[in-house]
Amino acid sequence: MPSEYVGTLGVMVCRRTGSPPFAEREYVRELCLASSKLGLSVYAFIPELKPSDPDATGGKVTGYTYRQGRWETGRFPVPDMIYDRCLLRNAKEKTAAGMALQSLGRRAFLWSRGLPGKARVYSLLKREASLLPHLPHTLAYTGRECLKRALSRFGGELFMKPSGGSHGSHTLYVRVSGETA
């Protein structure tokens, strides 16, 4: 247990089917389990606040945390930090998330406000020598010839991701099998 308490981390997730009713349950569970070692209290919340909702201006947020081997629903303090893990599917979810961030964001540090794209992040990370052994080989796709060279360099297998994507959307695994042109 760390010597000092860091605060609360609210993981903003979008409503989905299941129990608890959000995606990435395993990821959030792991955050909850690791939180005590980090001096954090972690819970997930679904951004369904309305401006007139007392939670929007009061001190409590309805959410979910993982404790003692099970999910618990509860009322939690407004988080000190918000980790936005929503993969918004429609305008209603986007509006709700925006309202929650606007309301809660005045009192919380917004930890994940979008990145400038994978290529830019990679170029910044590779400047730090201690990170180099942990970074995957990364190349920018520039067309068919680039793809051929990359497949040759990496043993006929590639994992491709769009620079601006998130949550695994639009990723592609490419493997050469048989004859190549």
C-alpha atoms as a PDB file:
ATOM      1  CA  MET A   1       0.000   0.000   0.000  1.00  0.00           C
ATOM      2  CA  PRO A   2       1.460   3.401  -0.918  1.00  0.00           C
ATOM      3  CA  SER A   3       2.174   5.828   1.865  1.00  0.00           C
ATOM      4  CA  GLU A   4      -0.125   8.456   0.453  1.00  0.00           C
ATOM      5  CA  TYR A   5      -3.584   8.461  -1.042  1.00  0.00           C
ATOM      6  CA  VAL A   6      -3.603   9.879  -4.568  1.00  0.00           C
ATOM      7  CA  GLY A   7      -7.374  10.266  -5.073  1.00  0.00           C
ATOM      8  CA  THR A   8     -10.196   8.900  -7.187  1.00  0.00           C
ATOM      9  CA  LEU A   9     -10.148   7.834 -10.803  1.00  0.00           C
ATOM     10  CA  GLY A  10     -13.499   7.765 -12.576  1.00  0.00           C
ATOM     11  CA  VAL A  11     -13.419   5.671 -15.732  1.00  0.00           C
ATOM     12  CA  MET A  12     -16.094   7.038 -18.054  1.00  0.00           C
ATOM     13  CA  VAL A  13     -17.626   4.146 -20.028  1.00  0.00           C
ATOM     14  CA  CYS A  14     -20.608   3.946 -22.359  1.00  0.00           C
ATOM     15  CA  ARG A  15     -23.641   1.812 -21.541  1.00  0.00           C
ATOM     16  CA  ARG A  16     -23.682  -1.614 -23.160  1.00  0.00           C
ATOM     17  CA  THR A  17     -25.532  -4.852 -22.497  1.00  0.00           C
ATOM     18  CA  GLY A  18     -24.216  -7.126 -19.775  1.00  0.00           C
ATOM     19  CA  SER A  19     -23.507  -7.001 -16.089  1.00  0.00           C
ATOM     20  CA  PRO A  20     -22.195  -4.531 -15.209  1.00  0.00           C
ATOM     21  CA  PRO A  21     -23.731  -2.650 -18.121  1.00  0.00           C
ATOM     22  CA  PHE A  22     -20.626  -1.375 -19.897  1.00  0.00           C
ATOM     23  CA  ALA A  23     -17.894  -2.575 -22.257  1.00  0.00           C
ATOM     24  CA  GLU A  24     -14.316  -3.291 -21.223  1.00  0.00           C
ATOM     25  CA  ARG A  25     -15.353  -4.850 -17.911  1.00  0.00           C
ATOM     26  CA  GLU A  26     -12.104  -6.836 -17.693  1.00  0.00           C
ATOM     27  CA  TYR A  27      -9.973  -3.750 -18.269  1.00  0.00           C
ATOM     28  CA  VAL A  28     -11.842  -1.736 -15.643  1.00  0.00           C
ATOM     29  CA  ARG A  29     -11.678  -4.721 -13.265  1.00  0.00           C
ATOM     30  CA  GLU A  30      -7.887  -4.788 -13.623  1.00  0.00           C
ATOM     31  CA  LEU A  31      -7.736  -1.047 -12.910  1.00  0.00           C
ATOM     32  CA  CYS A  32      -9.841  -1.543  -9.791  1.00  0.00           C
ATOM     33  CA  LEU A  33      -7.619  -4.411  -8.602  1.00  0.00           C
ATOM     34  CA  ALA A  34      -4.409  -2.438  -9.180  1.00  0.00           C
ATOM     35  CA  SER A  35      -5.757   0.772  -7.686  1.00  0.00           C
ATOM     36  CA  SER A  36      -4.970   0.040  -4.032  1.00  0.00           C
ATOM     37  CA  LYS A  37      -1.287  -0.432  -4.904  1.00  0.00           C
ATOM     38  CA  LEU A  38      -1.325   2.966  -6.586  1.00  0.00           C
ATOM     39  CA  GLY A  39      -3.150   4.899  -3.865  1.00  0.00           C
ATOM     40  CA  LEU A  40      -6.258   5.287  -6.018  1.00  0.00           C
ATOM     41  CA  SER A  41      -9.926   4.573  -5.623  1.00  0.00           C
ATOM     42  CA  VAL A  42     -11.245   3.502  -9.046  1.00  0.00           C
ATOM     43  CA  TYR A  43     -14.803   3.241 -10.311  1.00  0.00           C
ATOM     44  CA  ALA A  44     -16.529   3.207 -13.689  1.00  0.00           C
ATOM     45  CA  PHE A  45     -19.417   5.514 -14.476  1.00  0.00           C
ATOM     46  CA  ILE A  46     -21.777   5.872 -17.411  1.00  0.00           C
ATOM     47  CA  PRO A  47     -22.198   9.467 -18.674  1.00  0.00           C
ATOM     48  CA  GLU A  48     -25.948   9.868 -18.401  1.00  0.00           C
ATOM     49  CA  LEU A  49     -26.038  13.062 -16.360  1.00  0.00           C
ATOM     50  CA  LYS A  50     -28.443  15.845 -17.142  1.00  0.00           C
ATOM     51  CA  PRO A  51     -27.803  19.493 -16.199  1.00  0.00           C
ATOM     52  CA  SER A  52     -30.671  19.381 -13.682  1.00  0.00           C
ATOM     53  CA  ASP A  53     -29.413  16.104 -12.149  1.00  0.00           C
ATOM     54  CA  PRO A  54     -28.174  16.680  -8.579  1.00  0.00           C
ATOM     55  CA  ASP A  55     -25.187  14.446  -9.362  1.00  0.00           C
ATOM     56  CA  ALA A  56     -24.059  16.952 -11.983  1.00  0.00           C
ATOM     57  CA  THR A  57     -23.529  19.657  -9.403  1.00  0.00           C
ATOM     58  CA  GLY A  58     -23.455  17.673  -6.165  1.00  0.00           C
ATOM     59  CA  GLY A  59     -20.733  15.490  -4.781  1.00  0.00           C
ATOM     60  CA  LYS A  60     -21.757  11.995  -5.862  1.00  0.00           C
ATOM     61  CA  VAL A  61     -21.620   9.955  -9.075  1.00  0.00           C
ATOM     62  CA  THR A  62     -23.383   6.635  -9.564  1.00  0.00           C
ATOM     63  CA  GLY A  63     -20.908   4.009 -10.698  1.00  0.00           C
ATOM     64  CA  TYR A  64     -19.435   0.524 -10.452  1.00  0.00           C
ATOM     65  CA  THR A  65     -16.327  -0.801  -8.763  1.00  0.00           C
ATOM     66  CA  TYR A  66     -14.812  -4.245  -8.415  1.00  0.00           C
ATOM     67  CA  ARG A  67     -14.183  -5.341  -4.822  1.00  0.00           C
ATOM     68  CA  GLN A  68     -13.629  -8.677  -3.149  1.00  0.00           C
ATOM     69  CA  GLY A  69     -14.284 -10.689  -6.284  1.00  0.00           C
ATOM     70  CA  ARG A  70     -17.488  -8.989  -7.447  1.00  0.00           C
ATOM     71  CA  TRP A  71     -18.904  -5.852  -9.031  1.00  0.00           C
ATOM     72  CA  GLU A  72     -20.605  -3.369  -6.714  1.00  0.00           C
ATOM     73  CA  THR A  73     -22.852  -0.463  -7.631  1.00  0.00           C
ATOM     74  CA  GLY A  74     -22.561   2.629  -5.513  1.00  0.00           C
ATOM     75  CA  ARG A  75     -22.453   6.388  -5.160  1.00  0.00           C
ATOM     76  CA  PHE A  76     -18.934   7.726  -5.388  1.00  0.00           C
ATOM     77  CA  PRO A  77     -17.351  11.149  -4.938  1.00  0.00           C
ATOM     78  CA  VAL A  78     -16.806  13.224  -8.080  1.00  0.00           C
ATOM     79  CA  PRO A  79     -13.528  11.805  -9.389  1.00  0.00           C
ATOM     80  CA  ASP A  80     -10.278  13.714  -9.066  1.00  0.00           C
ATOM     81  CA  MET A  81      -9.324  12.332 -12.493  1.00  0.00           C
ATOM     82  CA  ILE A  82     -11.532  11.199 -15.375  1.00  0.00           C
ATOM     83  CA  TYR A  83     -10.290   8.522 -17.781  1.00  0.00           C
ATOM     84  CA  ASP A  84     -12.486   8.667 -20.891  1.00  0.00           C
ATOM     85  CA  ARG A  85     -12.885   5.113 -22.254  1.00  0.00           C
ATOM     86  CA  CYS A  86     -16.131   5.739 -24.148  1.00  0.00           C
ATOM     87  CA  LEU A  87     -16.331   4.484 -27.686  1.00  0.00           C
ATOM     88  CA  LEU A  88     -19.282   6.636 -28.673  1.00  0.00           C
ATOM     89  CA  ARG A  89     -21.690   5.041 -31.147  1.00  0.00           C
ATOM     90  CA  ASN A  90     -24.301   7.726 -31.693  1.00  0.00           C
ATOM     91  CA  ALA A  91     -25.220  11.370 -31.137  1.00  0.00           C
ATOM     92  CA  LYS A  92     -27.093  10.616 -27.905  1.00  0.00           C
ATOM     93  CA  GLU A  93     -23.996   9.022 -26.327  1.00  0.00           C
ATOM     94  CA  LYS A  94     -21.790  11.846 -27.617  1.00  0.00           C
ATOM     95  CA  THR A  95     -24.108  14.459 -26.096  1.00  0.00           C
ATOM     96  CA  ALA A  96     -24.292  12.629 -22.758  1.00  0.00           C
ATOM     97  CA  ALA A  97     -20.508  12.227 -22.612  1.00  0.00           C
ATOM     98  CA  GLY A  98     -19.995  15.900 -23.462  1.00  0.00           C
ATOM     99  CA  MET A  99     -22.429  16.981 -20.754  1.00  0.00           C
ATOM    100  CA  ALA A 100     -20.756  14.725 -18.168  1.00  0.00           C
ATOM    101  CA  LEU A 101     -17.306  16.021 -19.048  1.00  0.00           C
ATOM    102  CA  GLN A 102     -18.530  19.604 -18.973  1.00  0.00           C
ATOM    103  CA  SER A 103     -20.177  19.108 -15.591  1.00  0.00           C
ATOM    104  CA  LEU A 104     -17.596  16.914 -13.877  1.00  0.00           C
ATOM    105  CA  GLY A 105     -14.603  18.276 -15.751  1.00  0.00           C
ATOM    106  CA  ARG A 106     -14.746  21.550 -13.872  1.00  0.00           C
ATOM    107  CA  ARG A 107     -13.710  19.684 -10.731  1.00  0.00           C
ATOM    108  CA  ALA A 108     -11.677  16.829 -12.183  1.00  0.00           C
ATOM    109  CA  PHE A 109      -8.479  16.467 -14.164  1.00  0.00           C
ATOM    110  CA  LEU A 110      -9.340  15.046 -17.602  1.00  0.00           C
ATOM    111  CA  TRP A 111      -6.696  12.387 -18.025  1.00  0.00           C
ATOM    112  CA  SER A 112      -7.377  11.278 -21.593  1.00  0.00           C
ATOM    113  CA  ARG A 113      -8.388  14.087 -23.884  1.00  0.00           C
ATOM    114  CA  GLY A 114      -7.403  12.527 -27.176  1.00  0.00           C
ATOM    115  CA  LEU A 115      -3.986  12.052 -28.660  1.00  0.00           C
ATOM    116  CA  PRO A 116      -2.536  13.655 -31.782  1.00  0.00           C
ATOM    117  CA  GLY A 117      -2.424  10.366 -33.719  1.00  0.00           C
ATOM    118  CA  LYS A 118      -0.308   7.243 -33.478  1.00  0.00           C
ATOM    119  CA  ALA A 119       2.438   8.458 -35.809  1.00  0.00           C
ATOM    120  CA  ARG A 120       2.981  11.633 -33.781  1.00  0.00           C
ATOM    121  CA  VAL A 121       2.823   9.783 -30.447  1.00  0.00           C
ATOM    122  CA  TYR A 122       5.326   7.218 -31.751  1.00  0.00           C
ATOM    123  CA  SER A 123       7.736   9.928 -32.924  1.00  0.00           C
ATOM    124  CA  LEU A 124       7.613  11.533 -29.466  1.00  0.00           C
ATOM    125  CA  LEU A 125       7.987   8.251 -27.559  1.00  0.00           C
ATOM    126  CA  LYS A 126      10.961   7.051 -29.607  1.00  0.00           C
ATOM    127  CA  ARG A 127      12.943  10.100 -28.442  1.00  0.00           C
ATOM    128  CA  GLU A 128      13.085   8.553 -24.976  1.00  0.00           C
ATOM    129  CA  ALA A 129      15.854   5.923 -24.997  1.00  0.00           C
ATOM    130  CA  SER A 130      14.394   3.988 -22.048  1.00  0.00           C
ATOM    131  CA  LEU A 131      11.164   3.395 -24.015  1.00  0.00           C
ATOM    132  CA  LEU A 132      12.758   2.160 -27.250  1.00  0.00           C
ATOM    133  CA  PRO A 133      12.958  -1.527 -26.232  1.00  0.00           C
ATOM    134  CA  HIS A 134       9.220  -1.465 -25.484  1.00  0.00           C
ATOM    135  CA  LEU A 135       7.982   0.229 -28.659  1.00  0.00           C
ATOM    136  CA  PRO A 136       6.719  -1.966 -31.494  1.00  0.00           C
ATOM    137  CA  HIS A 137       8.306  -1.540 -34.912  1.00  0.00           C
ATOM    138  CA  THR A 138       6.234   1.167 -36.556  1.00  0.00           C
ATOM    139  CA  LEU A 139       6.096   2.331 -40.145  1.00  0.00           C
ATOM    140  CA  ALA A 140       3.782   4.711 -41.959  1.00  0.00           C
ATOM    141  CA  TYR A 141       1.817   3.076 -44.770  1.00  0.00           C
ATOM    142  CA  THR A 142       2.415   4.914 -48.040  1.00  0.00           C
ATOM    143  CA  GLY A 143       1.080   2.435 -50.573  1.00  0.00           C
ATOM    144  CA  ARG A 144       1.522  -0.960 -52.158  1.00  0.00           C
ATOM    145  CA  GLU A 145       5.338  -0.905 -52.397  1.00  0.00           C
ATOM    146  CA  CYS A 146       5.595   0.125 -48.752  1.00  0.00           C
ATOM    147  CA  LEU A 147       3.336  -2.788 -47.809  1.00  0.00           C
ATOM    148  CA  LYS A 148       5.457  -5.247 -49.811  1.00  0.00           C
ATOM    149  CA  ARG A 149       8.681  -4.032 -48.136  1.00  0.00           C
ATOM    150  CA  ALA A 150       7.112  -4.197 -44.672  1.00  0.00           C
ATOM    151  CA  LEU A 151       5.795  -7.732 -45.229  1.00  0.00           C
ATOM    152  CA  SER A 152       9.247  -8.806 -46.372  1.00  0.00           C
ATOM    153  CA  ARG A 153      10.966  -7.117 -43.419  1.00  0.00           C
ATOM    154  CA  PHE A 154       8.611  -8.584 -40.803  1.00  0.00           C
ATOM    155  CA  GLY A 155       8.367 -12.186 -41.949  1.00  0.00           C
ATOM    156  CA  GLY A 156       5.175 -11.864 -43.960  1.00  0.00           C
ATOM    157  CA  GLU A 157       3.019 -10.659 -41.056  1.00  0.00           C
ATOM    158  CA  LEU A 158       1.834  -7.187 -40.083  1.00  0.00           C
ATOM    159  CA  PHE A 159      -0.655  -5.610 -37.749  1.00  0.00           C
ATOM    160  CA  MET A 160      -1.961  -2.371 -39.225  1.00  0.00           C
ATOM    161  CA  LYS A 161      -3.745   0.378 -37.321  1.00  0.00           C
ATOM    162  CA  PRO A 162      -5.106   3.711 -38.522  1.00  0.00           C
ATOM    163  CA  SER A 163      -3.234   6.682 -37.107  1.00  0.00           C
ATOM    164  CA  GLY A 164      -6.365   8.245 -35.659  1.00  0.00           C
ATOM    165  CA  GLY A 165      -8.305   5.154 -34.573  1.00  0.00           C
ATOM    166  CA  SER A 166      -9.012   3.918 -31.075  1.00  0.00           C
ATOM    167  CA  HIS A 167     -10.344   0.878 -29.239  1.00  0.00           C
ATOM    168  CA  GLY A 168      -9.141  -1.438 -32.004  1.00  0.00           C
ATOM    169  CA  SER A 169     -11.441   0.026 -34.644  1.00  0.00           C
ATOM    170  CA  HIS A 170     -10.409  -0.500 -38.251  1.00  0.00           C
ATOM    171  CA  THR A 171      -7.317  -2.563 -37.435  1.00  0.00           C
ATOM    172  CA  LEU A 172      -6.039  -5.131 -39.881  1.00  0.00           C
ATOM    173  CA  TYR A 173      -3.862  -8.226 -39.518  1.00  0.00           C
ATOM    174  CA  VAL A 174      -2.086  -9.097 -42.763  1.00  0.00           C
ATOM    175  CA  ARG A 175      -0.349 -12.446 -43.346  1.00  0.00           C
ATOM    176  CA  VAL A 176       1.144 -13.648 -46.591  1.00  0.00           C
ATOM    177  CA  SER A 177       0.183 -17.184 -47.468  1.00  0.00           C
ATOM    178  CA  GLY A 178       1.163 -18.961 -50.662  1.00  0.00           C
ATOM    179  CA  GLU A 179       2.602 -17.140 -53.640  1.00  0.00           C
ATOM    180  CA  THR A 180       3.026 -13.362 -53.570  1.00  0.00           C
ATOM    181  CA  ALA A 181       3.002 -11.009 -56.505  1.00  0.00           C
END
